[in-house]
Amino acid sequence: MSESAQWEAAEPGVKRRIYPPGTSLMMMEVHFEEGAEGYLHAHPHEQLSYCLRGSLEFSVDGEKSIIRAGETIVIPGGAVHGVVALEPSALLDCFTPLREDLLKR
């Protein structure tokens, strides 16, 4: 694995690792402690999140939904979104186009 696949802290109780990207698609694994939050934010990239384990409550443009292991949620580019882990959980997030803001840290 390259250096970009090392675990790093995100928000409190949240860690992530960003995998080496393709030319227009990238993937990131995110682990949450119970109650940990991915704060509300927006970016122009389309995002697909797949729940690897646990359950999480997403807010996308004010609409709440819960996903559990084996389920996905699509977040359109520009949507204000965030997430709260209802139990210890893990996500696999995919983005297109590349999130240069994450890759160039």
Protein backbone atom coordinates (compact mmCIF):
# COMPACT_ATOMS: atom_id res chain seq x y z
CA MET A 1 0.00 0.00 0.00
CA SER A 2 1.17 3.48 -0.69
CA GLU A 3 1.47 6.19 1.94
CA SER A 4 -1.96 7.51 0.93
CA ALA A 5 -3.51 4.34 2.41
CA GLN A 6 -2.34 5.07 5.97
CA TRP A 7 -4.92 5.63 8.68
CA GLU A 8 -5.40 9.22 9.81
CA ALA A 9 -7.68 11.02 12.26
CA ALA A 10 -10.62 12.91 10.78
CA GLU A 11 -13.17 14.14 13.35
CA PRO A 12 -13.19 12.94 16.99
CA GLY A 13 -13.88 9.19 17.00
CA VAL A 14 -13.44 8.98 13.22
CA LYS A 15 -10.44 7.65 11.30
CA ARG A 16 -9.98 7.23 7.57
CA ARG A 17 -7.62 5.94 4.94
CA ILE A 18 -7.57 7.14 1.38
CA TYR A 19 -6.65 4.55 -1.22
CA PRO A 20 -4.56 5.37 -4.30
CA PRO A 21 -7.00 6.90 -6.82
CA GLY A 22 -7.78 6.12 -10.44
CA THR A 23 -7.94 8.86 -13.03
CA SER A 24 -11.42 10.12 -12.06
CA LEU A 25 -12.59 7.89 -9.20
CA MET A 26 -11.30 7.50 -5.65
CA MET A 27 -12.13 5.44 -2.58
CA MET A 28 -11.79 6.04 1.15
CA GLU A 29 -12.48 3.74 4.11
CA VAL A 30 -13.88 5.45 7.22
CA HIS A 31 -14.28 3.93 10.70
CA PHE A 32 -16.51 5.46 13.40
CA GLU A 33 -16.78 4.91 17.13
CA GLU A 34 -20.36 4.83 18.42
CA GLY A 35 -21.77 8.37 18.47
CA ALA A 36 -18.95 9.81 16.35
CA GLU A 37 -19.92 12.35 13.69
CA GLY A 38 -18.85 13.26 10.23
CA TYR A 39 -19.69 16.96 10.43
CA LEU A 40 -22.05 18.65 7.97
CA HIS A 41 -20.20 19.75 4.84
CA ALA A 42 -20.60 19.93 1.06
CA HIS A 43 -18.33 19.34 -1.93
CA PRO A 44 -18.96 19.31 -5.67
CA HIS A 45 -18.11 15.61 -5.96
CA GLU A 46 -20.71 12.85 -6.29
CA GLN A 47 -20.32 10.37 -3.40
CA LEU A 48 -21.47 6.78 -2.95
CA SER A 49 -21.16 5.38 0.59
CA TYR A 50 -21.36 1.63 1.30
CA CYS A 51 -21.82 0.50 4.93
CA LEU A 52 -19.28 -2.22 5.70
CA ARG A 53 -20.51 -2.75 9.26
CA GLY A 54 -22.71 -1.10 11.87
CA SER A 55 -25.40 1.50 11.22
CA LEU A 56 -25.23 5.21 10.52
CA GLU A 57 -27.72 8.05 10.26
CA PHE A 58 -27.04 10.33 7.30
CA SER A 59 -28.40 13.81 6.79
CA VAL A 60 -28.43 14.88 3.13
CA ASP A 61 -29.82 18.36 2.48
CA GLY A 62 -31.79 18.03 5.73
CA GLU A 63 -33.30 14.62 4.91
CA LYS A 64 -32.33 11.87 7.37
CA SER A 65 -31.87 8.20 6.51
CA ILE A 66 -30.26 5.23 8.20
CA ILE A 67 -28.07 2.71 6.42
CA ARG A 68 -26.85 -0.60 7.80
CA ALA A 69 -24.23 -3.15 6.78
CA GLY A 70 -24.61 -4.00 3.10
CA GLU A 71 -26.58 -0.86 2.22
CA THR A 72 -25.59 2.25 0.27
CA ILE A 73 -26.48 5.91 0.00
CA VAL A 74 -25.82 8.27 -2.90
CA ILE A 75 -24.90 11.87 -2.08
CA PRO A 76 -25.20 14.26 -5.02
CA GLY A 77 -22.48 16.81 -5.65
CA GLY A 78 -23.15 20.03 -3.74
CA ALA A 79 -25.48 18.43 -1.17
CA VAL A 80 -24.92 19.44 2.46
CA HIS A 81 -24.39 16.16 4.29
CA GLY A 82 -23.14 14.61 7.49
CA VAL A 83 -23.36 11.34 9.40
CA VAL A 84 -23.65 10.00 12.96
CA ALA A 85 -22.63 6.45 13.88
CA LEU A 86 -25.43 4.70 15.79
CA GLU A 87 -22.95 1.97 16.80
CA PRO A 88 -19.31 1.21 15.91
CA SER A 89 -19.41 1.39 12.10
CA ALA A 90 -17.37 1.46 8.92
CA LEU A 91 -18.01 2.95 5.48
CA LEU A 92 -16.42 2.67 2.08
CA ASP A 93 -16.82 6.04 0.33
CA CYS A 94 -16.29 6.52 -3.42
CA PHE A 95 -16.00 9.94 -5.05
CA THR A 96 -16.00 11.23 -8.60
CA PRO A 97 -14.25 13.30 -9.76
CA LEU A 98 -11.17 13.05 -7.54
CA ARG A 99 -11.25 14.89 -4.21
CA GLU A 100 -8.08 16.89 -4.76
CA ASP A 101 -8.69 18.56 -1.37
CA LEU A 102 -8.09 15.17 0.29
CA LEU A 103 -5.36 13.94 -2.02
CA LYS A 104 -3.12 17.03 -1.79
CA ARG A 105 -2.71 17.22 2.00
